Each structure stands twice: as structure tokens, then as C-alpha cells.
Amino acid sequence: MKKWFVLLLTILMIVSCVGTSAESNNDISATLDVALAADMAPDSVTEWVRMFNDEYPNIKLNVTLVDASNYTATFEPLVAADAMPDVMAVAPHDYYRNLAEKGYLLDCGEMDGWDRQVDFVQDAFTSESGLRFGVSNGVSTMVLFYNEDHFAQAGITELPTCWEEFIECCEKLKTAGFAPMAVAGAGSNNLAHSFMGFGIAYEVYGSGYDKNWVANNMTGEYDYDVDAWKRVLDRLVYLRDKGYFQKGYESADLYEVLRILASGEASMSIQQTSQAGNIFLDDGVNLNCMAVPWNYRGQPNVAISWACDGVGLGRNANNEKNLEAAKIFFEFVTYENAWVYQNMVGGLSPFKTMEDMPKAIVDNRVQSAWESNAQMEQSGLPAQSFSAPVYAQVRNFVQEVTLGLAEPDMIGEYLNAAQMEYATTLK
């Protein structure tokens, strides 16, 4: 699978100068700056543009494809210039809530897709003052993707339900000649979602140390230099040192991991269900997914589920003349044709009923995993649960631990300094 970097794709649409009826939508003319995430399904943007061009030939789109793991690289210069895109990728975390509070994003609560979103998704895309700054691309949950044929060949007849059984599976797979786990040593965001996420879910949340860690760590006064947080990555180190990661994991990014898993070069990987479209390939190997068994025997499961990134409306000097056209494109991708993205990523709709996205194709394996995880207690997705400066250090820390450049008990050295930086923004 190709790796997509931030790139600028300017799509010129041929505009007819002949007057037409309102029914053909040619009565609206504008040039829009659009910045959409391209990581999981870049072809969805291409398809949306093609479809939009057919229906609205007088609206020209200047489209930037954005790396979702580093939105700030694209948007910070635009913030400084007070020139946000007309329609732009947004995410339900601290960085965008701050943009909304500072007036860089417009309220989209009157758009068709907003009210159709499930309640927790609406909450995720609402700023502190109540500005509704985005419509989500979907909902997702972290699962363990696994190769059913590898399990059978390794003599694994029952799926693991706890950490101890998971380790037994890893050992059987390794003994049978398989690489038990596909790990993105070069993908800090993916490492944070998986190993950091579940380490927190069980050592901080599940242990009872801090059931409200998501809210508490956003106060600016949180201390990560405590035993519970120091244990968060112990199991990552254990798995690495037991030799359960694939060869070359140190340099593998997310896209290489997805390829390895889908081709059968490794047996398991912890990924979000919104990657199912890149994993459950029609011509791929026999894969399935299940809850991540990170719980110790007798300990209840904890899941990580969330509202995916979405699309918002940016404030800029051209809003007065372009806002009507921007809303048309916004509705086109977030509601009327949101199924294009959903079907490519193999994910789940953010809407309350399937009637709101009738063309969506839902994989039963993904739906089953979502329903199973929905019954569990929920911890926070790291990308959405830390302040921006702390999360930057979370990514740095988990990657350095994975590569043996730092130890799990050094977490306070990495995160507390970033927390102090964040605290200065709250004064």
C-alpha cells in the first residue's frame, strides 16, 4: 500500500459560462480551498471530487491532502495567516477545540449530518463554549486483528480472553514459525493508539488508580511520575524482549504493518476497526478481529472506542462570498456521500441509524467487534485524551521505549515537562 504524505492537489474544474437552470446547480460559482485527511482512504477524496465536479461544475476546488498524524504541520501556518481552508479536516481533540474557541472554525450544527450523529460523537465535536465544529467520518474501536489459519496451524483452538492466554498464543505462534505480532516501530501515532492506549486502559484506568484520567490530565497539574503510569509500557517491553515482533519492526510504519498483516507475514496486530478496509482484502488471507485481551486473568475488559476525525468549516476572509458553496461541499462529503469514505475504510457510520447512510457496506466482523467492545468500560484514545504538547511527547516516548531508547519508568521525564508547558496556556 502506498504511503501518502502531505501533498497539494489542485483540481481545476471546467466551468461553463452558459446560463443554466437552478436544477443543474450551475447557478452557484466559487473557488474553495479544501484540506482533507488522506491517510486511510486517499481515493475517497479523488472520488468525492469527481462526483462533485459532475454535480457542481461551477465550483472550483483547490484540494490539499493532509497527513492525519500531523495536522498541525498543515494548519499552523494557516492559523498564523488567519487563512483557514473553507472546508477542512478536523479531529475531536484539544488542538481543534482550541481552534474552535479562538474562532478559527465555524459552527456546523445546522448542517444535515450534525443531528444524525450519535450523542457521544456530537459531544466529541463540541468545544467548551458549545461550538459544534465538525461532523465525524465515523466511529472506531481498537481490536486485535488475527490470522485464523495461523492460529489453526499453531494449535490454538480457543481465542485468548486475557493477557496470560494471549502470551500463550504468542508463544505457540512463534514456535510454529510465525511472527506473532506486526508492530510499527516507526509509527509513533500507531504505537500510541495501541500499546500506550491499552497500557493506560489497564494500568491507570482498569487498575482503579484514576478512572477519570482523561479529564484529570487536562487540568495542567497532572503528575505522570507515579507507579501506575510507570507500568503503562511494561507489557510492550515484555513482548518485544520475547521476540514476538516481526523482523524489521524498528523501521516499519503503519502502512508496512497493514501490508504484513494482510499478506500473512505476521499473525496479529492491534489496530483500529477503521483500518479494516486495508486489512480485510478480497484477495487477502483469512483474517478476523476480536477484543484486545490486555486484561489479567479475572480482570474485566476495557475497550478504547471513539469518534473518528471529521470535516469542519474554517473561518477566513472569503467566508462572505464562499460560505454557501462551502456548505454545499461540506454536506456532499459529510452526509450525502459519506458512504464513499466508509466503504473504502471498512469502518462504521457515525450516524444513529443505517437509514442515514443507506449505501454504506458494513463488514459483519467489524460490526461484531464494535458491539462487543461497546459492552465494556471505556478508556480514552490517547490522541484525543491528552493536550497537544503532552500527546507530542506521548508519541515520542512510546516510540523510544519500543526502540529501546527509553525505559517505561521514565514516563514522568517525558510527559511532566510537556504538562507544565500546557499549564502555561491555561493561565
Protein backbone atom coordinates (compact mmCIF):
# COMPACT_ATOMS: atom_id res chain seq x y z
CA MET A 1 0.00 0.00 0.00
CA LYS A 2 1.33 3.41 -0.89
CA LYS A 3 2.25 5.80 1.87
CA TRP A 4 0.57 9.16 1.50
CA PHE A 5 2.39 12.29 2.56
CA VAL A 6 1.05 15.82 2.73
CA LEU A 7 0.68 17.00 -0.82
CA LEU A 8 -1.13 19.68 -2.72
CA LEU A 9 -3.54 18.52 -5.36
CA THR A 10 -5.16 21.34 -7.29
CA ILE A 11 -8.17 20.18 -9.19
CA LEU A 12 -9.27 22.55 -11.92
CA MET A 13 -12.87 22.26 -12.90
CA ILE A 14 -14.00 23.44 -16.33
CA VAL A 15 -16.73 25.99 -15.83
CA SER A 16 -19.40 26.55 -18.44
CA CYS A 17 -20.30 30.19 -18.99
CA VAL A 18 -23.70 29.36 -20.40
CA GLY A 19 -26.62 30.21 -18.10
CA THR A 20 -28.44 27.14 -16.77
CA SER A 21 -31.34 26.33 -14.53
CA ALA A 22 -31.19 26.04 -10.73
CA GLU A 23 -31.94 22.34 -11.05
CA SER A 24 -28.50 21.76 -12.64
CA ASN A 25 -26.77 23.55 -9.70
CA ASN A 26 -24.78 25.73 -12.13
CA ASP A 27 -26.15 28.88 -10.56
CA ILE A 28 -23.53 28.70 -7.77
CA SER A 29 -19.99 29.73 -8.63
CA ALA A 30 -17.00 29.82 -6.26
CA THR A 31 -13.42 28.72 -5.69
CA LEU A 32 -12.93 26.79 -2.45
CA ASP A 33 -9.80 25.85 -0.52
CA VAL A 34 -10.30 22.35 0.85
CA ALA A 35 -7.94 20.38 3.14
CA LEU A 36 -8.97 16.78 3.83
CA ALA A 37 -7.23 13.86 5.54
CA ALA A 38 -5.72 11.38 3.11
CA ASP A 39 -4.23 8.66 5.28
CA MET A 40 -6.77 5.86 5.38
CA ALA A 41 -8.61 6.30 2.11
CA PRO A 42 -7.00 8.88 -0.19
CA ASP A 43 -9.04 7.54 -3.09
CA SER A 44 -12.18 8.72 -1.33
CA VAL A 45 -11.10 12.32 -1.85
CA THR A 46 -10.49 11.65 -5.54
CA GLU A 47 -13.92 10.06 -5.86
CA TRP A 48 -15.66 12.87 -3.98
CA VAL A 49 -14.04 15.45 -6.24
CA ARG A 50 -15.05 13.56 -9.38
CA MET A 51 -18.63 13.24 -8.18
CA PHE A 52 -18.77 16.85 -7.01
CA ASN A 53 -17.38 18.08 -10.33
CA ASP A 54 -20.20 16.31 -12.14
CA GLU A 55 -22.87 17.86 -9.95
CA TYR A 56 -21.40 21.32 -9.34
CA PRO A 57 -19.25 22.20 -12.36
CA ASN A 58 -19.07 25.89 -11.44
CA ILE A 59 -17.43 25.33 -8.06
CA LYS A 60 -13.66 25.01 -8.32
CA LEU A 61 -11.80 23.08 -5.60
CA ASN A 62 -8.20 23.62 -4.55
CA VAL A 63 -7.63 20.43 -2.55
CA THR A 64 -4.83 19.74 -0.09
CA LEU A 65 -4.43 16.17 1.15
CA VAL A 66 -3.35 16.22 4.78
CA ASP A 67 -1.41 13.71 6.87
CA ALA A 68 -3.82 13.00 9.73
CA SER A 69 -0.99 12.10 12.10
CA ASN A 70 0.38 15.66 11.84
CA TYR A 71 -2.44 18.09 11.14
CA THR A 72 -0.57 20.97 12.76
CA ALA A 73 2.09 20.93 10.02
CA THR A 74 -0.62 21.97 7.56
CA PHE A 75 -2.82 24.18 9.70
CA GLU A 76 -0.47 26.14 11.97
CA PRO A 77 0.83 28.35 9.11
CA LEU A 78 -2.79 28.97 8.10
CA VAL A 79 -3.70 29.87 11.68
CA ALA A 80 -0.83 32.34 11.76
CA ALA A 81 -2.04 33.87 8.49
CA ASP A 82 -5.68 33.81 9.63
CA ALA A 83 -6.49 31.97 6.40
CA MET A 84 -8.14 28.67 7.26
CA PRO A 85 -9.46 26.48 4.42
CA ASP A 86 -13.16 26.79 3.58
CA VAL A 87 -13.67 23.09 4.31
CA MET A 88 -11.07 21.25 6.36
CA ALA A 89 -10.18 18.11 8.25
CA VAL A 90 -10.85 18.36 11.99
CA ALA A 91 -10.49 15.96 14.89
CA PRO A 92 -12.16 15.70 18.30
CA HIS A 93 -9.18 16.64 20.42
CA ASP A 94 -7.54 19.52 22.22
CA TYR A 95 -5.94 21.21 19.22
CA TYR A 96 -9.21 21.65 17.35
CA ARG A 97 -11.24 22.56 20.41
CA ASN A 98 -8.78 25.39 20.95
CA LEU A 99 -9.12 26.46 17.31
CA ALA A 100 -12.89 26.48 17.75
CA GLU A 101 -12.67 28.52 20.95
CA LYS A 102 -10.38 31.04 19.25
CA GLY A 103 -12.78 31.50 16.34
CA TYR A 104 -10.86 29.72 13.58
CA LEU A 105 -13.68 27.23 12.99
CA LEU A 106 -17.32 27.90 12.19
CA ASP A 107 -20.31 26.26 13.83
CA CYS A 108 -21.73 23.45 11.70
CA GLY A 109 -24.56 22.44 14.00
CA GLU A 110 -27.19 23.39 11.44
CA MET A 111 -25.79 21.05 8.80
CA ASP A 112 -27.72 17.88 7.94
CA GLY A 113 -25.12 15.46 9.27
CA TRP A 114 -24.79 17.02 12.73
CA ASP A 115 -28.06 15.93 14.36
CA ARG A 116 -27.82 12.49 12.79
CA GLN A 117 -24.60 11.70 14.68
CA VAL A 118 -24.82 9.57 17.81
CA ASP A 119 -24.68 11.60 21.02
CA PHE A 120 -21.11 10.79 22.07
CA VAL A 121 -19.85 11.86 18.64
CA GLN A 122 -21.67 15.19 18.93
CA ASP A 123 -20.12 15.66 22.37
CA ALA A 124 -16.66 14.92 20.97
CA PHE A 125 -17.02 17.64 18.33
CA THR A 126 -18.36 20.32 20.67
CA SER A 127 -15.99 22.91 22.14
CA GLU A 128 -16.07 24.14 25.72
CA SER A 129 -18.28 27.11 24.80
CA GLY A 130 -20.63 24.91 22.78
CA LEU A 131 -19.41 25.50 19.23
CA ARG A 132 -20.15 22.44 17.07
CA PHE A 133 -17.04 22.29 14.95
CA GLY A 134 -17.26 19.10 12.89
CA VAL A 135 -19.11 16.09 11.55
CA SER A 136 -17.24 12.83 12.07
CA ASN A 137 -16.15 10.43 9.34
CA GLY A 138 -17.21 7.50 11.53
CA VAL A 139 -16.70 5.68 14.80
CA SER A 140 -13.92 3.22 15.57
CA THR A 141 -12.61 0.89 18.25
CA MET A 142 -9.27 -0.80 18.87
CA VAL A 143 -9.24 -4.54 18.18
CA LEU A 144 -6.81 -7.40 17.75
CA PHE A 145 -6.74 -8.49 14.11
CA TYR A 146 -5.61 -12.10 13.86
CA ASN A 147 -4.89 -14.72 11.21
CA GLU A 148 -7.26 -17.65 11.65
CA ASP A 149 -5.12 -20.01 9.58
CA HIS A 150 -2.00 -19.23 11.62
CA PHE A 151 -3.94 -19.89 14.81
CA ALA A 152 -5.11 -23.26 13.50
CA GLN A 153 -1.63 -24.27 12.34
CA ALA A 154 -0.17 -23.28 15.71
CA GLY A 155 -2.74 -25.42 17.53
CA ILE A 156 -4.67 -22.50 19.01
CA THR A 157 -8.23 -23.75 19.29
CA GLU A 158 -9.70 -21.04 21.52
CA LEU A 159 -9.30 -17.28 21.27
CA PRO A 160 -7.40 -15.65 24.14
CA THR A 161 -9.60 -13.91 26.69
CA CYS A 162 -6.89 -12.45 28.93
CA TRP A 163 -3.23 -11.39 28.92
CA GLU A 164 -1.96 -14.76 30.14
CA GLU A 165 -3.76 -16.60 27.32
CA PHE A 166 -2.55 -14.01 24.83
CA ILE A 167 1.06 -14.72 25.80
CA GLU A 168 0.41 -18.44 25.35
CA CYS A 169 -0.87 -17.68 21.84
CA CYS A 170 2.21 -15.62 21.04
CA GLU A 171 4.49 -18.43 22.17
CA LYS A 172 2.62 -21.06 20.16
CA LEU A 173 2.72 -18.87 17.06
CA LYS A 174 6.43 -18.22 17.46
CA THR A 175 7.11 -21.94 17.96
CA ALA A 176 5.13 -22.69 14.78
CA GLY A 177 7.41 -20.35 12.83
CA PHE A 178 5.16 -17.30 12.62
CA ALA A 179 5.87 -13.71 13.64
CA PRO A 180 3.22 -13.31 16.35
CA MET A 181 2.77 -9.54 16.06
CA ALA A 182 3.09 -6.88 13.38
CA VAL A 183 4.31 -3.68 15.05
CA ALA A 184 5.00 -0.24 13.56
CA GLY A 185 8.23 0.74 15.30
CA ALA A 186 8.45 3.81 13.05
CA GLY A 187 4.79 4.75 13.53
CA SER A 188 4.59 6.72 16.76
CA ASN A 189 0.91 7.55 16.37
CA ASN A 190 0.03 3.88 15.85
CA LEU A 191 2.16 2.86 18.84
CA ALA A 192 0.38 5.45 20.97
CA HIS A 193 -3.05 4.20 19.91
CA SER A 194 -2.20 0.57 20.61
CA PHE A 195 0.43 -0.11 23.28
CA MET A 196 0.15 3.23 25.07
CA GLY A 197 -3.63 3.18 24.84
CA PHE A 198 -4.05 -0.26 26.37
CA GLY A 199 -1.30 0.28 28.89
CA ILE A 200 -3.24 3.27 30.21
CA ALA A 201 -6.55 1.41 29.91
CA TYR A 202 -5.40 -1.27 32.34
CA GLU A 203 -2.62 0.20 34.48
CA VAL A 204 -4.25 3.60 35.05
CA TYR A 205 -7.97 3.20 34.36
CA GLY A 206 -8.63 -0.50 34.89
CA SER A 207 -6.44 -0.71 38.00
CA GLY A 208 -8.59 1.93 39.65
CA TYR A 209 -5.70 4.38 40.03
CA ASP A 210 -7.53 7.05 38.03
CA LYS A 211 -10.89 6.27 36.45
CA ASN A 212 -11.18 9.89 35.35
CA TRP A 213 -7.69 10.25 33.89
CA VAL A 214 -8.87 11.86 30.65
CA ALA A 215 -10.39 14.86 32.44
CA ASN A 216 -7.81 14.99 35.21
CA ASN A 217 -4.79 15.06 32.94
CA MET A 218 -6.24 18.06 31.10
CA THR A 219 -6.13 20.27 34.20
CA GLY A 220 -2.49 21.23 33.68
CA GLU A 221 -1.50 19.90 37.11
CA TYR A 222 -1.30 16.17 36.44
CA ASP A 223 1.70 14.09 37.57
CA TYR A 224 2.71 11.14 35.37
CA ASP A 225 5.73 10.26 37.52
CA VAL A 226 3.85 7.68 39.59
CA ASP A 227 3.90 3.88 39.70
CA ALA A 228 0.69 3.32 37.71
CA TRP A 229 1.91 5.42 34.79
CA LYS A 230 5.41 3.94 35.01
CA ARG A 231 3.88 0.49 34.35
CA VAL A 232 1.97 1.57 31.24
CA LEU A 233 4.54 0.26 28.75
CA ASP A 234 5.90 -2.70 30.72
CA ARG A 235 3.98 -5.18 28.57
CA LEU A 236 5.23 -3.60 25.36
CA VAL A 237 8.80 -4.20 26.55
CA TYR A 238 7.94 -7.77 27.57
CA LEU A 239 6.53 -8.61 24.13
CA ARG A 240 9.50 -7.01 22.39
CA ASP A 241 12.08 -8.81 24.51
CA LYS A 242 10.35 -12.17 24.00
CA GLY A 243 10.88 -11.76 20.26
CA TYR A 244 7.18 -11.58 19.37
CA PHE A 245 7.53 -8.67 16.92
CA GLN A 246 8.23 -9.18 13.22
CA LYS A 247 11.77 -8.81 11.90
CA GLY A 248 12.47 -5.22 10.94
CA TYR A 249 9.73 -3.82 13.18
CA GLU A 250 12.03 -0.95 14.11
CA SER A 251 11.68 0.66 10.66
CA ALA A 252 8.14 -0.45 9.81
CA ASP A 253 5.50 2.25 9.55
CA LEU A 254 1.75 1.73 9.81
CA TYR A 255 1.31 1.03 6.11
CA GLU A 256 4.00 -1.63 6.13
CA VAL A 257 2.34 -3.25 9.14
CA LEU A 258 -1.02 -3.34 7.37
CA ARG A 259 0.64 -4.94 4.34
CA ILE A 260 2.42 -7.51 6.52
CA LEU A 261 -0.80 -8.45 8.28
CA ALA A 262 -2.93 -8.61 5.14
CA SER A 263 -0.35 -10.76 3.34
CA GLY A 264 0.05 -13.25 6.17
CA GLU A 265 3.62 -12.33 7.10
CA ALA A 266 2.59 -11.85 10.74
CA SER A 267 -0.23 -13.32 12.79
CA MET A 268 -1.70 -10.44 14.81
CA SER A 269 -1.76 -6.68 15.13
CA ILE A 270 -3.59 -4.20 17.35
CA GLN A 271 -5.33 -1.72 15.05
CA GLN A 272 -8.49 0.32 14.83
CA THR A 273 -11.53 -1.03 13.02
CA SER A 274 -11.33 1.92 10.61
CA GLN A 275 -8.34 0.16 9.07
CA ALA A 276 -10.44 -2.89 8.19
CA GLY A 277 -10.65 -1.82 4.55
CA ASN A 278 -6.85 -2.04 4.37
CA ILE A 279 -6.73 -5.39 6.21
CA PHE A 280 -9.75 -7.44 5.12
CA LEU A 281 -8.79 -7.62 1.46
CA ASP A 282 -10.83 -9.64 -1.03
CA ASP A 283 -7.72 -11.49 -2.17
CA GLY A 284 -6.03 -11.45 1.23
CA VAL A 285 -5.51 -14.09 3.89
CA ASN A 286 -8.09 -15.43 6.34
CA LEU A 287 -8.33 -12.69 8.99
CA ASN A 288 -10.74 -11.80 11.76
CA CYS A 289 -10.80 -9.41 14.72
CA MET A 290 -11.60 -9.57 18.42
CA ALA A 291 -11.35 -7.59 21.65
CA VAL A 292 -7.76 -6.90 22.73
CA PRO A 293 -7.02 -9.33 25.61
CA TRP A 294 -4.87 -6.98 27.70
CA ASN A 295 -6.70 -7.78 30.94
CA TYR A 296 -5.07 -10.01 33.51
CA ARG A 297 -6.98 -13.20 34.29
CA GLY A 298 -10.09 -12.33 36.27
CA GLN A 299 -9.83 -8.63 35.45
CA PRO A 300 -12.68 -7.12 33.38
CA ASN A 301 -12.01 -5.96 29.83
CA VAL A 302 -11.56 -2.30 28.99
CA ALA A 303 -12.09 -1.06 25.44
CA ILE A 304 -10.95 2.03 23.56
CA SER A 305 -13.65 3.43 21.25
CA TRP A 306 -14.00 6.90 19.83
CA ALA A 307 -15.35 9.31 17.25
CA CYS A 308 -13.09 9.39 14.20
CA ASP A 309 -11.69 12.53 12.64
CA GLY A 310 -14.12 14.52 10.55
CA VAL A 311 -14.74 17.63 8.50
CA GLY A 312 -15.35 21.22 9.58
CA LEU A 313 -15.78 24.71 8.18
CA GLY A 314 -12.87 27.14 8.50
CA ARG A 315 -13.08 30.87 9.08
CA ASN A 316 -11.36 33.08 6.51
CA ALA A 317 -11.68 36.38 4.68
CA ASN A 318 -13.68 34.76 1.87
CA ASN A 319 -16.47 33.35 4.03
CA GLU A 320 -18.94 36.02 2.97
CA LYS A 321 -18.74 35.08 -0.71
CA ASN A 322 -17.82 31.39 -0.39
CA LEU A 323 -19.75 30.10 2.61
CA GLU A 324 -22.79 28.92 0.64
CA ALA A 325 -20.59 26.90 -1.71
CA ALA A 326 -18.51 25.62 1.22
CA LYS A 327 -21.64 24.33 2.92
CA ILE A 328 -22.66 22.54 -0.28
CA PHE A 329 -19.33 20.70 -0.43
CA PHE A 330 -19.42 20.06 3.32
CA GLU A 331 -22.85 18.40 3.07
CA PHE A 332 -21.70 16.49 0.00
CA VAL A 333 -18.84 14.72 1.83
CA THR A 334 -20.14 14.52 5.41
CA TYR A 335 -23.70 13.41 4.75
CA GLU A 336 -24.92 12.92 1.18
CA ASN A 337 -21.89 10.89 0.08
CA ALA A 338 -20.22 9.98 3.37
CA TRP A 339 -20.63 6.34 2.33
CA VAL A 340 -17.78 6.74 -0.17
CA TYR A 341 -15.24 7.06 2.64
CA GLN A 342 -16.94 4.49 4.87
CA ASN A 343 -16.89 1.80 2.22
CA MET A 344 -13.22 2.38 1.43
CA VAL A 345 -12.01 2.23 5.04
CA GLY A 346 -14.39 -0.56 6.00
CA GLY A 347 -15.47 1.39 9.06
CA LEU A 348 -18.70 2.25 10.82
CA SER A 349 -21.05 5.17 10.35
CA PRO A 350 -21.24 7.92 13.00
CA PHE A 351 -24.98 8.23 12.41
CA LYS A 352 -27.78 6.98 14.64
CA THR A 353 -29.39 4.75 12.02
CA MET A 354 -28.28 2.96 8.88
CA GLU A 355 -31.06 4.80 7.04
CA ASP A 356 -28.89 7.92 7.27
CA MET A 357 -26.16 6.17 5.24
CA PRO A 358 -28.04 3.63 3.13
CA LYS A 359 -25.19 2.97 0.69
CA ALA A 360 -22.72 2.02 3.42
CA ILE A 361 -21.42 -1.55 3.34
CA VAL A 362 -20.75 -2.91 6.83
CA ASP A 363 -18.41 -5.84 7.43
CA ASN A 364 -20.00 -8.21 9.93
CA ARG A 365 -16.64 -8.83 11.62
CA VAL A 366 -16.23 -5.12 12.29
CA GLN A 367 -19.83 -4.71 13.44
CA SER A 368 -19.48 -7.65 15.82
CA ALA A 369 -16.25 -6.26 17.30
CA TRP A 370 -17.85 -2.85 17.80
CA GLU A 371 -20.88 -4.34 19.55
CA SER A 372 -18.65 -6.48 21.79
CA ASN A 373 -16.41 -3.57 22.77
CA ALA A 374 -19.42 -1.33 23.36
CA GLN A 375 -20.41 -3.55 26.31
CA MET A 376 -17.11 -2.86 28.10
CA GLU A 377 -15.86 0.04 30.17
CA GLN A 378 -14.12 2.61 28.00
CA SER A 379 -10.76 4.31 28.37
CA GLY A 380 -9.65 7.23 26.22
CA LEU A 381 -7.86 7.18 22.88
CA PRO A 382 -4.51 8.89 23.59
CA ALA A 383 -4.70 11.19 20.56
CA GLN A 384 -7.97 12.62 21.86
CA SER A 385 -7.25 12.49 25.59
CA PHE A 386 -4.04 14.47 26.07
CA SER A 387 -3.30 18.11 25.43
CA ALA A 388 -1.42 18.75 22.19
CA PRO A 389 2.03 19.26 23.80
CA VAL A 390 1.65 16.22 26.07
CA TYR A 391 0.49 13.99 23.23
CA ALA A 392 3.51 15.02 21.17
CA GLN A 393 5.67 13.66 23.99
CA VAL A 394 3.48 10.56 24.35
CA ARG A 395 4.30 9.69 20.75
CA ASN A 396 7.98 10.38 21.26
CA PHE A 397 8.09 8.37 24.50
CA VAL A 398 6.29 5.26 23.27
CA GLN A 399 8.44 5.11 20.15
CA GLU A 400 11.68 5.46 22.10
CA VAL A 401 10.58 2.73 24.53
CA THR A 402 9.71 0.48 21.58
CA LEU A 403 13.17 1.01 20.10
CA GLY A 404 14.94 0.51 23.43
CA LEU A 405 15.99 4.15 23.74
CA ALA A 406 13.98 4.77 26.91
CA GLU A 407 12.54 2.74 29.78
CA PRO A 408 8.86 2.69 30.83
CA ASP A 409 9.61 4.22 34.25
CA MET A 410 10.97 7.35 32.54
CA ILE A 411 7.48 8.48 31.57
CA GLY A 412 7.47 11.37 34.04
CA GLU A 413 10.63 12.80 32.49
CA TYR A 414 8.91 12.97 29.12
CA LEU A 415 5.35 13.95 29.98
CA ASN A 416 5.61 16.19 33.04
CA ALA A 417 7.65 18.85 31.25
CA ALA A 418 5.08 18.93 28.44
CA GLN A 419 2.32 19.15 31.05
CA MET A 420 3.99 22.23 32.51
CA GLU A 421 4.12 23.74 29.02
CA TYR A 422 0.41 23.04 28.59
CA ALA A 423 -0.36 24.56 32.01
CA THR A 424 1.02 27.91 30.87
CA THR A 425 -1.66 28.05 28.16
CA LEU A 426 -4.42 27.74 30.77
CA LYS A 427 -3.45 30.85 32.72
